[in-house]
C-alpha atoms as a PDB file:
ATOM      1  CA  MET A   1       2.449  75.368 -10.801  1.00  0.00           C
ATOM      2  CA  ARG A   2       2.281  75.992  -6.929  1.00  0.00           C
ATOM      3  CA  LEU A   3       0.054  77.722  -4.808  1.00  0.00           C
ATOM      4  CA  ALA A   4       2.145  80.485  -3.511  1.00  0.00           C
ATOM      5  CA  THR A   5      -0.019  81.355  -0.365  1.00  0.00           C
ATOM      6  CA  PHE A   6      -0.723  77.812   0.519  1.00  0.00           C
ATOM      7  CA  GLN A   7      -0.159  76.924   4.354  1.00  0.00           C
ATOM      8  CA  PRO A   8      -0.013  73.356   5.519  1.00  0.00           C
ATOM      9  CA  GLN A   9      -2.490  72.386   7.819  1.00  0.00           C
ATOM     10  CA  LEU A  10      -1.274  68.916  10.342  1.00  0.00           C
ATOM     11  CA  GLY A  11      -3.195  66.327  10.965  1.00  0.00           C
ATOM     12  CA  VAL A  12      -3.822  63.074  12.215  1.00  0.00           C
ATOM     13  CA  HIS A  13      -6.320  61.513   9.906  1.00  0.00           C
ATOM     14  CA  CYS A  14      -5.811  61.472   5.793  1.00  0.00           C
ATOM     15  CA  GLU A  15      -9.388  62.688   5.144  1.00  0.00           C
ATOM     16  CA  THR A  16      -9.898  64.945   7.333  1.00  0.00           C
ATOM     17  CA  THR A  17      -6.108  66.677   7.022  1.00  0.00           C
ATOM     18  CA  THR A  18      -6.969  66.916   3.735  1.00  0.00           C
ATOM     19  CA  LEU A  19     -10.558  68.669   3.959  1.00  0.00           C
ATOM     20  CA  ARG A  20      -8.960  70.815   6.658  1.00  0.00           C
ATOM     21  CA  ASN A  21      -6.092  72.035   4.000  1.00  0.00           C
ATOM     22  CA  MET A  22      -8.965  72.560   1.221  1.00  0.00           C
ATOM     23  CA  ILE A  23     -11.328  74.333   3.466  1.00  0.00           C
ATOM     24  CA  HIS A  24      -8.255  76.581   5.317  1.00  0.00           C
ATOM     25  CA  HIS A  25      -7.081  77.615   1.805  1.00  0.00           C
ATOM     26  CA  ALA A  26     -10.174  78.524   0.755  1.00  0.00           C
ATOM     27  CA  GLY A  27     -10.559  80.741   3.922  1.00  0.00           C
ATOM     28  CA  VAL A  28     -11.750  79.290   6.902  1.00  0.00           C
ATOM     29  CA  ASP A  29      -9.719  77.333   9.785  1.00  0.00           C
ATOM     30  CA  VAL A  30     -11.829  75.132  10.827  1.00  0.00           C
ATOM     31  CA  SER A  31     -10.302  72.190  13.663  1.00  0.00           C
ATOM     32  CA  GLU A  32      -9.834  68.479  11.930  1.00  0.00           C
ATOM     33  CA  ALA A  33     -11.705  67.190  15.228  1.00  0.00           C
ATOM     34  CA  MET A  34     -14.411  69.878  14.176  1.00  0.00           C
ATOM     35  CA  LEU A  35     -14.739  68.338  10.559  1.00  0.00           C
ATOM     36  CA  PHE A  36     -14.449  64.725  12.015  1.00  0.00           C
ATOM     37  CA  GLY A  37     -17.476  65.159  14.026  1.00  0.00           C
ATOM     38  CA  LEU A  38     -19.323  67.488  11.575  1.00  0.00           C
ATOM     39  CA  GLY A  39     -18.315  64.859   9.284  1.00  0.00           C
ATOM     40  CA  GLN A  40     -20.153  62.224  10.991  1.00  0.00           C
ATOM     41  CA  GLY A  41     -16.770  60.139  11.019  1.00  0.00           C
ATOM     42  CA  ILE A  42     -17.084  57.640  13.749  1.00  0.00           C
ATOM     43  CA  ASP A  43     -18.003  54.491  13.091  1.00  0.00           C
ATOM     44  CA  PHE A  44     -16.936  50.298  13.178  1.00  0.00           C
ATOM     45  CA  GLN A  45     -16.768  48.596   9.990  1.00  0.00           C
ATOM     46  CA  TYR A  46     -15.947  44.932   9.080  1.00  0.00           C
ATOM     47  CA  TRP A  47     -15.071  44.143   5.249  1.00  0.00           C
ATOM     48  CA  ASP A  48     -14.278  40.088   4.724  1.00  0.00           C
ATOM     49  CA  ALA A  49     -11.071  38.881   4.489  1.00  0.00           C
ATOM     50  CA  PRO A  50      -9.929  38.623   0.719  1.00  0.00           C
ATOM     51  CA  ASP A  51      -7.951  35.503   1.747  1.00  0.00           C
ATOM     52  CA  PRO A  52      -9.408  33.692   4.399  1.00  0.00           C
ATOM     53  CA  GLY A  53      -7.411  32.146   6.393  1.00  0.00           C
ATOM     54  CA  ARG A  54      -4.134  33.950   5.223  1.00  0.00           C
ATOM     55  CA  SER A  55      -5.552  37.096   6.003  1.00  0.00           C
ATOM     56  CA  THR A  56      -8.082  38.988   8.555  1.00  0.00           C
ATOM     57  CA  PRO A  57     -11.151  41.352   7.861  1.00  0.00           C
ATOM     58  CA  MET A  58     -10.551  44.731   6.971  1.00  0.00           C
ATOM     59  CA  LEU A  59     -12.178  46.626  10.226  1.00  0.00           C
ATOM     60  CA  THR A  60     -12.020  50.129  10.581  1.00  0.00           C
ATOM     61  CA  GLY A  61     -13.272  52.637  13.072  1.00  0.00           C
ATOM     62  CA  ARG A  62     -14.848  55.259  10.724  1.00  0.00           C
ATOM     63  CA  ILE A  63     -17.345  55.599   7.693  1.00  0.00           C
ATOM     64  CA  GLU A  64     -16.828  55.179   4.467  1.00  0.00           C
ATOM     65  CA  PRO A  65     -14.115  57.255   2.217  1.00  0.00           C
ATOM     66  CA  ALA A  66     -15.608  60.474   0.822  1.00  0.00           C
ATOM     67  CA  LEU A  67     -18.445  60.655   2.897  1.00  0.00           C
ATOM     68  CA  LEU A  68     -17.132  62.151   6.178  1.00  0.00           C
ATOM     69  CA  SER A  69     -15.942  64.837   3.293  1.00  0.00           C
ATOM     70  CA  ARG A  70     -19.865  65.406   2.014  1.00  0.00           C
ATOM     71  CA  ASN A  71     -20.696  65.331   5.397  1.00  0.00           C
ATOM     72  CA  ALA A  72     -19.032  67.954   6.921  1.00  0.00           C
ATOM     73  CA  CYS A  73     -19.118  69.843   3.657  1.00  0.00           C
ATOM     74  CA  SER A  74     -22.886  69.647   3.866  1.00  0.00           C
ATOM     75  CA  ALA A  75     -23.365  70.784   7.680  1.00  0.00           C
ATOM     76  CA  LEU A  76     -20.968  73.948   6.447  1.00  0.00           C
ATOM     77  CA  GLY A  77     -22.777  74.910   3.386  1.00  0.00           C
ATOM     78  CA  VAL A  78     -19.400  74.544   1.877  1.00  0.00           C
ATOM     79  CA  GLU A  79     -19.309  73.200  -1.750  1.00  0.00           C
ATOM     80  CA  LEU A  80     -17.724  70.353  -2.639  1.00  0.00           C
ATOM     81  CA  ARG A  81     -16.718  68.664  -5.881  1.00  0.00           C
ATOM     82  CA  GLU A  82     -15.973  65.270  -6.718  1.00  0.00           C
ATOM     83  CA  SER A  83     -14.845  63.589  -9.952  1.00  0.00           C
ATOM     84  CA  ARG A  84     -12.549  60.817 -11.679  1.00  0.00           C
ATOM     85  CA  ALA A  85     -10.770  61.132 -14.283  1.00  0.00           C
ATOM     86  CA  PRO A  86     -10.790  58.864 -17.057  1.00  0.00           C
ATOM     87  CA  ASP A  87      -6.955  57.988 -17.219  1.00  0.00           C
ATOM     88  CA  ALA A  88      -3.826  59.169 -15.512  1.00  0.00           C
ATOM     89  CA  GLU A  89      -2.927  62.027 -18.035  1.00  0.00           C
ATOM     90  CA  SER A  90      -6.144  62.997 -17.803  1.00  0.00           C
ATOM     91  CA  ALA A  91      -6.289  62.886 -14.129  1.00  0.00           C
ATOM     92  CA  HIS A  92      -2.880  65.252 -14.285  1.00  0.00           C
ATOM     93  CA  ALA A  93      -4.355  67.523 -16.415  1.00  0.00           C
ATOM     94  CA  ALA A  94      -7.535  68.097 -14.445  1.00  0.00           C
ATOM     95  CA  ALA A  95      -4.969  68.810 -11.240  1.00  0.00           C
ATOM     96  CA  ALA A  96      -2.670  71.034 -12.987  1.00  0.00           C
ATOM     97  CA  GLU A  97      -5.906  73.327 -14.221  1.00  0.00           C
ATOM     98  CA  LEU A  98      -7.397  73.297 -10.324  1.00  0.00           C
ATOM     99  CA  LEU A  99      -3.948  74.488  -9.055  1.00  0.00           C
ATOM    100  CA  GLU A 100      -3.834  77.422 -11.782  1.00  0.00           C
ATOM    101  CA  ALA A 101      -7.013  78.300 -10.628  1.00  0.00           C
ATOM    102  CA  GLY A 102      -6.334  78.087  -7.078  1.00  0.00           C
ATOM    103  CA  HIS A 103      -7.059  75.276  -5.374  1.00  0.00           C
ATOM    104  CA  VAL A 104      -5.886  72.536  -3.137  1.00  0.00           C
ATOM    105  CA  VAL A 105      -6.851  69.352  -4.360  1.00  0.00           C
ATOM    106  CA  GLY A 106      -7.766  66.115  -2.883  1.00  0.00           C
ATOM    107  CA  VAL A 107      -6.385  62.999  -4.063  1.00  0.00           C
ATOM    108  CA  SER A 108      -7.053  59.360  -3.349  1.00  0.00           C
ATOM    109  CA  VAL A 109      -4.086  57.067  -3.421  1.00  0.00           C
ATOM    110  CA  ASP A 110      -2.633  54.041  -2.728  1.00  0.00           C
ATOM    111  CA  ILE A 111       0.329  54.130  -0.351  1.00  0.00           C
ATOM    112  CA  PHE A 112       2.245  51.814  -1.464  1.00  0.00           C
ATOM    113  CA  HIS A 113       3.254  53.863  -4.630  1.00  0.00           C
ATOM    114  CA  LEU A 114       4.144  56.854  -2.442  1.00  0.00           C
ATOM    115  CA  ASP A 115       8.254  57.094  -1.998  1.00  0.00           C
ATOM    116  CA  TYR A 116       7.631  58.711   1.467  1.00  0.00           C
ATOM    117  CA  PHE A 117       5.968  55.690   3.234  1.00  0.00           C
ATOM    118  CA  LYS A 118       7.070  52.824   4.763  1.00  0.00           C
ATOM    119  CA  SER A 119       4.487  50.636   4.258  1.00  0.00           C
ATOM    120  CA  ARG A 120       4.714  48.310   2.095  1.00  0.00           C
ATOM    121  CA  SER A 121       1.067  47.186   1.903  1.00  0.00           C
ATOM    122  CA  HIS A 122      -1.533  48.177  -0.849  1.00  0.00           C
ATOM    123  CA  PHE A 123      -4.269  50.718   0.796  1.00  0.00           C
ATOM    124  CA  ALA A 124      -5.895  52.740  -2.007  1.00  0.00           C
ATOM    125  CA  SER A 125      -8.119  54.518   0.568  1.00  0.00           C
ATOM    126  CA  HIS A 126      -5.706  57.117   1.444  1.00  0.00           C
ATOM    127  CA  TYR A 127      -6.036  60.858   0.873  1.00  0.00           C
ATOM    128  CA  ILE A 128      -3.323  63.712   0.283  1.00  0.00           C
ATOM    129  CA  ALA A 129      -3.950  67.484  -0.344  1.00  0.00           C
ATOM    130  CA  LEU A 130      -2.103  68.294  -3.474  1.00  0.00           C
ATOM    131  CA  TYR A 131      -0.506  72.206  -3.356  1.00  0.00           C
ATOM    132  CA  GLY A 132       1.778  72.149  -6.416  1.00  0.00           C
ATOM    133  CA  LEU A 133       2.325  69.999  -9.419  1.00  0.00           C
ATOM    134  CA  ASP A 134       4.740  69.800 -12.910  1.00  0.00           C
ATOM    135  CA  ASP A 135       6.083  67.473 -15.183  1.00  0.00           C
ATOM    136  CA  THR A 136       8.580  66.087 -12.600  1.00  0.00           C
ATOM    137  CA  HIS A 137       7.532  66.892  -8.898  1.00  0.00           C
ATOM    138  CA  ALA A 138       4.047  66.998  -6.800  1.00  0.00           C
ATOM    139  CA  HIS A 139       4.121  68.773  -3.818  1.00  0.00           C
ATOM    140  CA  VAL A 140       1.416  67.287  -0.895  1.00  0.00           C
ATOM    141  CA  VAL A 141       0.570  67.170   2.758  1.00  0.00           C
ATOM    142  CA  ASP A 142      -0.202  63.797   4.741  1.00  0.00           C
ATOM    143  CA  THR A 143      -0.858  63.273   7.968  1.00  0.00           C
ATOM    144  CA  GLU A 144       1.942  64.371  10.597  1.00  0.00           C
ATOM    145  CA  GLN A 145       3.047  60.231  11.216  1.00  0.00           C
ATOM    146  CA  GLN A 146       3.701  60.609   7.255  1.00  0.00           C
ATOM    147  CA  GLY A 147       5.710  64.051   7.952  1.00  0.00           C
ATOM    148  CA  GLY A 148       3.375  66.426   6.892  1.00  0.00           C
ATOM    149  CA  ALA A 149       4.079  68.457   3.548  1.00  0.00           C
ATOM    150  CA  GLN A 150       6.132  66.097   1.182  1.00  0.00           C
ATOM    151  CA  ARG A 151       7.254  66.309  -2.076  1.00  0.00           C
ATOM    152  CA  LEU A 152       7.378  63.425  -4.181  1.00  0.00           C
ATOM    153  CA  PRO A 153       8.647  62.326  -7.853  1.00  0.00           C
ATOM    154  CA  ALA A 154       5.308  62.965  -9.982  1.00  0.00           C
ATOM    155  CA  GLU A 155       5.390  59.399 -11.355  1.00  0.00           C
ATOM    156  CA  SER A 156       5.305  58.269  -7.755  1.00  0.00           C
ATOM    157  CA  LEU A 157       1.922  60.217  -7.455  1.00  0.00           C
ATOM    158  CA  ARG A 158       0.368  59.087 -10.765  1.00  0.00           C
ATOM    159  CA  ARG A 159       1.119  55.646 -10.067  1.00  0.00           C
ATOM    160  CA  ALA A 160      -0.490  55.913  -6.727  1.00  0.00           C
ATOM    161  CA  ARG A 161      -3.471  57.743  -7.404  1.00  0.00           C
ATOM    162  CA  ALA A 162      -4.107  54.957 -10.744  1.00  0.00           C
ATOM    163  CA  SER A 163      -3.583  52.157  -8.587  1.00  0.00           C
ATOM    164  CA  ASP A 164      -6.770  49.551  -8.168  1.00  0.00           C
ATOM    165  CA  GLU A 165      -5.041  47.379  -5.693  1.00  0.00           C
ATOM    166  CA  GLY A 166      -6.020  47.079  -1.915  1.00  0.00           C
ATOM    167  CA  PHE A 167      -8.814  47.972  -0.168  1.00  0.00           C
ATOM    168  CA  MET A 168     -11.468  49.873  -2.016  1.00  0.00           C
ATOM    169  CA  PRO A 169      -9.397  51.547  -4.838  1.00  0.00           C
ATOM    170  CA  SER A 170     -10.828  54.674  -6.155  1.00  0.00           C
ATOM    171  CA  PRO A 171      -8.540  55.054  -9.792  1.00  0.00           C
ATOM    172  CA  HIS A 172      -8.330  59.265 -10.335  1.00  0.00           C
ATOM    173  CA  LEU A 173     -10.787  60.178  -8.042  1.00  0.00           C
ATOM    174  CA  TYR A 174      -9.787  63.734  -6.936  1.00  0.00           C
ATOM    175  CA  LEU A 175     -12.095  66.473  -4.935  1.00  0.00           C
ATOM    176  CA  TYR A 176     -11.958  70.099  -4.083  1.00  0.00           C
ATOM    177  CA  VAL A 177     -13.458  72.711  -2.222  1.00  0.00           C
ATOM    178  CA  GLY A 178     -15.796  75.570  -4.690  1.00  0.00           C
ATOM    179  CA  ARG A 179     -17.451  78.254  -3.454  1.00  0.00           C
ATOM    180  CA  LEU A 180     -17.450  79.428   0.390  1.00  0.00           C
ATOM    181  CA  PRO A 181     -20.460  80.695   1.916  1.00  0.00           C
ATOM    182  CA  ALA A 182     -19.889  84.241   2.768  1.00  0.00           C
ATOM    183  CA  ARG A 183     -21.463  83.898   6.178  1.00  0.00           C
ATOM    184  CA  LEU A 184     -18.950  80.822   7.381  1.00  0.00           C
ATOM    185  CA  THR A 185     -16.045  82.920   6.379  1.00  0.00           C
ATOM    186  CA  THR A 186     -17.730  85.750   8.902  1.00  0.00           C
ATOM    187  CA  HIS A 187     -19.576  84.372  11.498  1.00  0.00           C
ATOM    188  CA  THR A 188     -17.607  80.789  11.805  1.00  0.00           C
ATOM    189  CA  ASP A 189     -18.161  80.350  15.366  1.00  0.00           C
ATOM    190  CA  GLU A 190     -21.518  80.905  15.211  1.00  0.00           C
ATOM    191  CA  VAL A 191     -22.115  78.271  12.305  1.00  0.00           C
ATOM    192  CA  LEU A 192     -20.225  75.745  13.779  1.00  0.00           C
ATOM    193  CA  ARG A 193     -22.121  76.097  17.089  1.00  0.00           C
ATOM    194  CA  GLU A 194     -25.234  75.398  15.083  1.00  0.00           C
ATOM    195  CA  GLN A 195     -24.591  72.839  13.583  1.00  0.00           C
ATOM    196  CA  ILE A 196     -22.632  70.814  16.457  1.00  0.00           C
ATOM    197  CA  TRP A 197     -25.882  69.135  17.870  1.00  0.00           C
ATOM    198  CA  ASN A 198     -26.983  68.248  14.589  1.00  0.00           C
ATOM    199  CA  ALA A 199     -24.051  66.466  13.768  1.00  0.00           C
ATOM    200  CA  ILE A 200     -24.167  64.524  17.077  1.00  0.00           C
ATOM    201  CA  ARG A 201     -27.821  63.256  16.715  1.00  0.00           C
ATOM    202  CA  LEU A 202     -27.795  61.928  13.177  1.00  0.00           C
ATOM    203  CA  THR A 203     -23.825  60.378  14.370  1.00  0.00           C
ATOM    204  CA  ALA A 204     -25.632  59.046  17.525  1.00  0.00           C
ATOM    205  CA  ARG A 205     -28.497  57.537  15.577  1.00  0.00           C
ATOM    206  CA  ARG A 206     -26.189  55.712  13.176  1.00  0.00           C
ATOM    207  CA  MET A 207     -24.550  54.058  16.088  1.00  0.00           C
ATOM    208  CA  THR A 208     -27.178  52.879  17.952  1.00  0.00           C
ATOM    209  CA  GLU A 209     -29.210  51.604  14.777  1.00  0.00           C
ATOM    210  CA  ASP A 210     -29.045  47.789  14.016  1.00  0.00           C
ATOM    211  CA  ARG A 211     -27.194  48.180  10.435  1.00  0.00           C
ATOM    212  CA  GLY A 212     -26.655  44.457   9.712  1.00  0.00           C
ATOM    213  CA  PRO A 213     -23.333  42.204  10.750  1.00  0.00           C
ATOM    214  CA  ARG A 214     -21.001  44.865   8.451  1.00  0.00           C
ATOM    215  CA  PHE A 215     -21.465  48.180  10.124  1.00  0.00           C
ATOM    216  CA  GLY A 216     -21.365  49.742  13.705  1.00  0.00           C
ATOM    217  CA  LEU A 217     -21.590  47.703  17.111  1.00  0.00           C
ATOM    218  CA  ARG A 218     -22.804  44.529  15.639  1.00  0.00           C
ATOM    219  CA  ALA A 219     -20.199  44.484  13.526  1.00  0.00           C
ATOM    220  CA  MET A 220     -17.983  45.215  16.362  1.00  0.00           C
ATOM    221  CA  ARG A 221     -19.228  42.293  18.717  1.00  0.00           C
ATOM    222  CA  ARG A 222     -18.734  40.042  15.102  1.00  0.00           C
ATOM    223  CA  ALA A 223     -15.386  40.804  15.149  1.00  0.00           C
ATOM    224  CA  ALA A 224     -14.796  39.976  18.616  1.00  0.00           C
ATOM    225  CA  SER A 225     -16.333  36.306  18.505  1.00  0.00           C
ATOM    226  CA  GLU A 226     -13.771  35.892  15.470  1.00  0.00           C
ATOM    227  CA  ILE A 227     -10.657  36.991  17.139  1.00  0.00           C
ATOM    228  CA  ALA A 228     -11.086  35.026  19.874  1.00  0.00           C
ATOM    229  CA  GLY A 229     -10.583  32.110  17.267  1.00  0.00           C
ATOM    230  CA  TRP A 230      -7.529  33.507  15.227  1.00  0.00           C
ATOM    231  CA  SER A 231      -5.047  31.476  16.892  1.00  0.00           C
ATOM    232  CA  ASP A 232      -6.886  28.487  15.204  1.00  0.00           C
ATOM    233  CA  THR A 233      -8.920  30.011  12.256  1.00  0.00           C
ATOM    234  CA  LEU A 234      -5.436  31.651  10.714  1.00  0.00           C
ATOM    235  CA  ALA A 235      -2.459  29.924   8.789  1.00  0.00           C
ATOM    236  CA  SER A 236      -0.015  31.875  10.361  1.00  0.00           C
ATOM    237  CA  PRO A 237      -1.464  34.219  13.141  1.00  0.00           C
ATOM    238  CA  ASP A 238       2.347  34.565  14.593  1.00  0.00           C
ATOM    239  CA  GLU A 239       2.536  36.731  11.800  1.00  0.00           C
ATOM    240  CA  VAL A 240      -0.915  38.068  10.886  1.00  0.00           C
ATOM    241  CA  VAL A 241      -2.051  38.976  13.749  1.00  0.00           C
ATOM    242  CA  PRO A 242       1.149  41.418  15.410  1.00  0.00           C
ATOM    243  CA  ALA A 243       0.578  42.794  11.740  1.00  0.00           C
ATOM    244  CA  VAL A 244      -3.144  43.724  12.339  1.00  0.00           C
ATOM    245  CA  GLY A 245      -2.125  45.384  15.650  1.00  0.00           C
ATOM    246  CA  ARG A 246       0.131  47.447  13.758  1.00  0.00           C
ATOM    247  CA  PHE A 247      -1.962  48.213  11.329  1.00  0.00           C
ATOM    248  CA  TRP A 248      -4.543  49.932  13.389  1.00  0.00           C
ATOM    249  CA  ARG A 249      -2.073  51.524  15.402  1.00  0.00           C
ATOM    250  CA  PHE A 250       0.306  53.219  12.700  1.00  0.00           C
ATOM    251  CA  ALA A 251      -2.302  53.141   9.757  1.00  0.00           C
ATOM    252  CA  GLY A 252      -4.648  55.209  11.203  1.00  0.00           C
ATOM    253  CA  THR A 253      -7.899  52.410  10.765  1.00  0.00           C
ATOM    254  CA  GLY A 254      -8.039  51.465  14.898  1.00  0.00           C
ATOM    255  CA  GLY A 255     -10.724  52.428  16.811  1.00  0.00           C
ATOM    256  CA  ALA A 256      -8.370  54.581  19.590  1.00  0.00           C
ATOM    257  CA  ASN A 257      -7.309  56.991  16.653  1.00  0.00           C
ATOM    258  CA  PHE A 258     -11.127  57.737  15.535  1.00  0.00           C
ATOM    259  CA  ARG A 259     -12.259  57.792  19.188  1.00  0.00           C
ATOM    260  CA  LYS A 260      -9.701  59.887  20.380  1.00  0.00           C
ATOM    261  CA  LEU A 261     -10.511  62.863  16.947  1.00  0.00           C
ATOM    262  CA  TYR A 262     -14.405  62.202  18.365  1.00  0.00           C
ATOM    263  CA  ARG A 263     -13.654  62.591  21.556  1.00  0.00           C
ATOM    264  CA  GLU A 264     -11.546  65.612  20.924  1.00  0.00           C
ATOM    265  CA  PHE A 265     -14.455  67.175  18.885  1.00  0.00           C
ATOM    266  CA  LEU A 266     -16.898  66.638  21.512  1.00  0.00           C
ATOM    267  CA  THR A 267     -14.310  68.715  23.870  1.00  0.00           C
ATOM    268  CA  GLU A 268     -14.174  71.536  21.312  1.00  0.00           C
ATOM    269  CA  ALA A 269     -18.134  70.927  21.066  1.00  0.00           C
ATOM    270  CA  ARG A 270     -18.569  71.386  24.539  1.00  0.00           C
ATOM    271  CA  GLN A 271     -15.753  74.258  25.351  1.00  0.00           C
ATOM    272  CA  ARG A 272     -17.986  76.460  22.302  1.00  0.00           C
ATOM    273  CA  SER A 273     -21.416  75.490  23.429  1.00  0.00           C
ATOM    274  CA  GLY A 274     -20.681  75.591  27.151  1.00  0.00           C
ATOM    275  CA  ASP A 275     -23.307  72.697  27.328  1.00  0.00           C
ATOM    276  CA  SER A 276     -22.291  70.130  30.240  1.00  0.00           C
ATOM    277  CA  GLU A 277     -24.338  67.845  28.602  1.00  0.00           C
ATOM    278  CA  LEU A 278     -21.313  66.232  27.128  1.00  0.00           C
ATOM    279  CA  ASP A 279     -18.851  66.215  29.912  1.00  0.00           C
ATOM    280  CA  ALA A 280     -19.761  62.171  30.390  1.00  0.00           C
ATOM    281  CA  ALA A 281     -19.693  61.281  27.036  1.00  0.00           C
ATOM    282  CA  ILE A 282     -16.122  62.776  26.814  1.00  0.00           C
ATOM    283  CA  GLU A 283     -15.219  61.062  29.926  1.00  0.00           C
ATOM    284  CA  GLY A 284     -16.828  57.718  28.556  1.00  0.00           C
ATOM    285  CA  LEU A 285     -14.557  58.072  25.271  1.00  0.00           C
ATOM    286  CA  GLY A 286     -11.579  58.388  27.225  1.00  0.00           C
ATOM    287  CA  ASP A 287     -12.385  55.339  28.773  1.00  0.00           C
ATOM    288  CA  VAL A 288     -13.190  53.891  25.303  1.00  0.00           C
ATOM    289  CA  GLN A 289      -9.942  55.366  23.628  1.00  0.00           C
ATOM    290  CA  ARG A 290      -7.749  53.320  26.592  1.00  0.00           C
ATOM    291  CA  GLN A 291      -9.706  50.037  26.546  1.00  0.00           C
ATOM    292  CA  TRP A 292      -9.037  50.081  22.469  1.00  0.00           C
ATOM    293  CA  ASP A 293      -5.328  51.147  23.056  1.00  0.00           C
ATOM    294  CA  GLN A 294      -4.921  48.188  25.876  1.00  0.00           C
ATOM    295  CA  ALA A 295      -6.403  45.598  22.670  1.00  0.00           C
ATOM    296  CA  VAL A 296      -3.804  46.999  20.178  1.00  0.00           C
ATOM    297  CA  ASP A 297      -1.409  46.313  22.523  1.00  0.00           C
ATOM    298  CA  MET A 298      -2.432  43.015  23.111  1.00  0.00           C
ATOM    299  CA  LEU A 299      -2.125  42.207  19.296  1.00  0.00           C
ATOM    300  CA  MET A 300       1.127  43.943  18.583  1.00  0.00           C
ATOM    301  CA  ASP A 301       2.192  41.200  21.589  1.00  0.00           C
ATOM    302  CA  TYR A 302       1.018  37.954  19.844  1.00  0.00           C
ATOM    303  CA  PRO A 303       1.661  35.412  20.818  1.00  0.00           C
ATOM    304  CA  GLY A 304       3.060  35.681  24.089  1.00  0.00           C
ATOM    305  CA  ALA A 305       3.075  32.904  26.484  1.00  0.00           C
ATOM    306  CA  ASP A 306      -0.619  31.799  25.726  1.00  0.00           C
ATOM    307  CA  GLY A 307      -1.674  32.975  22.201  1.00  0.00           C
ATOM    308  CA  ARG A 308      -5.058  32.018  22.891  1.00  0.00           C
ATOM    309  CA  SER A 309      -5.969  33.549  25.927  1.00  0.00           C
ATOM    310  CA  ARG A 310      -4.578  37.092  24.232  1.00  0.00           C
ATOM    311  CA  LEU A 311      -7.174  36.749  21.870  1.00  0.00           C
ATOM    312  CA  GLN A 312      -9.967  35.342  23.959  1.00  0.00           C
ATOM    313  CA  ALA A 313      -9.040  38.614  26.390  1.00  0.00           C
ATOM    314  CA  VAL A 314      -8.731  40.998  23.141  1.00  0.00           C
ATOM    315  CA  ALA A 315     -12.572  39.547  22.296  1.00  0.00           C
ATOM    316  CA  ALA A 316     -13.659  40.491  25.524  1.00  0.00           C
ATOM    317  CA  LEU A 317     -12.421  44.087  25.382  1.00  0.00           C
ATOM    318  CA  LEU A 318     -14.118  44.643  22.137  1.00  0.00           C
ATOM    319  CA  ASP A 319     -17.361  43.227  23.819  1.00  0.00           C
ATOM    320  CA  ALA A 320     -16.915  45.508  26.745  1.00  0.00           C
ATOM    321  CA  ILE A 321     -16.126  48.212  24.268  1.00  0.00           C
ATOM    322  CA  ALA A 322     -19.286  47.758  22.069  1.00  0.00           C
ATOM    323  CA  ASP A 323     -21.569  48.108  25.626  1.00  0.00           C
ATOM    324  CA  ALA A 324     -19.698  51.162  26.583  1.00  0.00           C
ATOM    325  CA  GLU A 325     -20.281  52.448  22.804  1.00  0.00           C
ATOM    326  CA  GLN A 326     -24.038  51.822  23.029  1.00  0.00           C
ATOM    327  CA  ALA A 327     -24.632  53.408  26.663  1.00  0.00           C
ATOM    328  CA  LEU A 328     -22.307  56.680  25.143  1.00  0.00           C
ATOM    329  CA  PHE A 329     -24.198  56.749  22.039  1.00  0.00           C
ATOM    330  CA  ASP A 330     -28.129  56.044  23.531  1.00  0.00           C
ATOM    331  CA  GLY A 331     -27.207  58.972  26.131  1.00  0.00           C
ATOM    332  CA  LEU A 332     -25.778  61.439  23.081  1.00  0.00           C
ATOM    333  CA  LEU A 333     -28.779  60.294  21.116  1.00  0.00           C
ATOM    334  CA  VAL A 334     -31.221  61.193  24.032  1.00  0.00           C
ATOM    335  CA  ALA A 335     -29.294  64.889  24.500  1.00  0.00           C
ATOM    336  CA  ALA A 336     -29.331  66.032  21.189  1.00  0.00           C
ATOM    337  CA  ALA A 337     -33.576  64.798  20.785  1.00  0.00           C
ATOM    338  CA  GLU A 338     -33.912  66.962  23.857  1.00  0.00           C
ATOM    339  CA  ARG A 339     -32.547  69.952  22.217  1.00  0.00           C
ATOM    340  CA  ALA A 340     -33.964  69.664  19.217  1.00  0.00           C
ATOM    341  CA  GLY A 341     -37.415  68.936  20.478  1.00  0.00           C
ATOM    342  CA  GLU A 342     -37.484  65.819  19.243  1.00  0.00           C
ATOM    343  CA  SER A 343     -38.516  62.050  20.806  1.00  0.00           C
ATOM    344  CA  VAL A 344     -35.920  59.320  20.768  1.00  0.00           C
END
């Protein structure tokens, strides 16, 4: 079974690419950046290293998997259905049934088992959009970096969906879009404009709260303090530190990628609303993105002439980024509260 009218929609982040393909096929074209913003996707999260000394914490620049899709669909009034099959055969059968009913199916996978993926690491929080499946092959859409629309062996997809290895595995998890509200299809621009500032308010409130040492700007500052000492605390820093930089840049988890996507959301929000209050945040996020890119460059170039000093410089950059993001989201929270007639 393969969806005859399906048109692949490219994107830069796996979950928003998958969500965009599901919603677009259902009948509404919403940009990836808008979905990311309405999904309140930006964050910073710190997940403890599975093997301290030999590996680093998982540091991500976004909220938890699937939560972004739930938030975006809630904002748009879109029915999002999630389920988890008990085994590989049931997962295959459920996907085939949904395709037969005309749905694009979002599936959670471990990139290690995708034959078109170059990475040889387990990462199980990846999403792809499934639009064709039979006993031998599957047709999916991945990110632009991974080539967009791909054809892979059905057995490769089965293994990727069944994996319980890597970061935050969700074996046999799948989601699809059910009902679209009529107004979203007929008055898309109006619906988007109505939801923009509420999504900004919720995001800014979360980003400015103290949510403990694992989430938000406090987690970023914690990461900075630990990165400064990686040359001494890691068993093989010459291997591990550049790998972190490559992962942040090319696997999509790093702050620069998600700050860029959120900046694109604010830029589109500015165009749709005509609200000049967003200009300062757009400019500020551009500066933040450049600082993130600089930090990643320094990690990828490690050890260089003086590895310890390089890591201390990365730590200083992360502290500066945390300060900049605090000011940026403080400003957005005030602006959003004013538009809602609330106090901060």
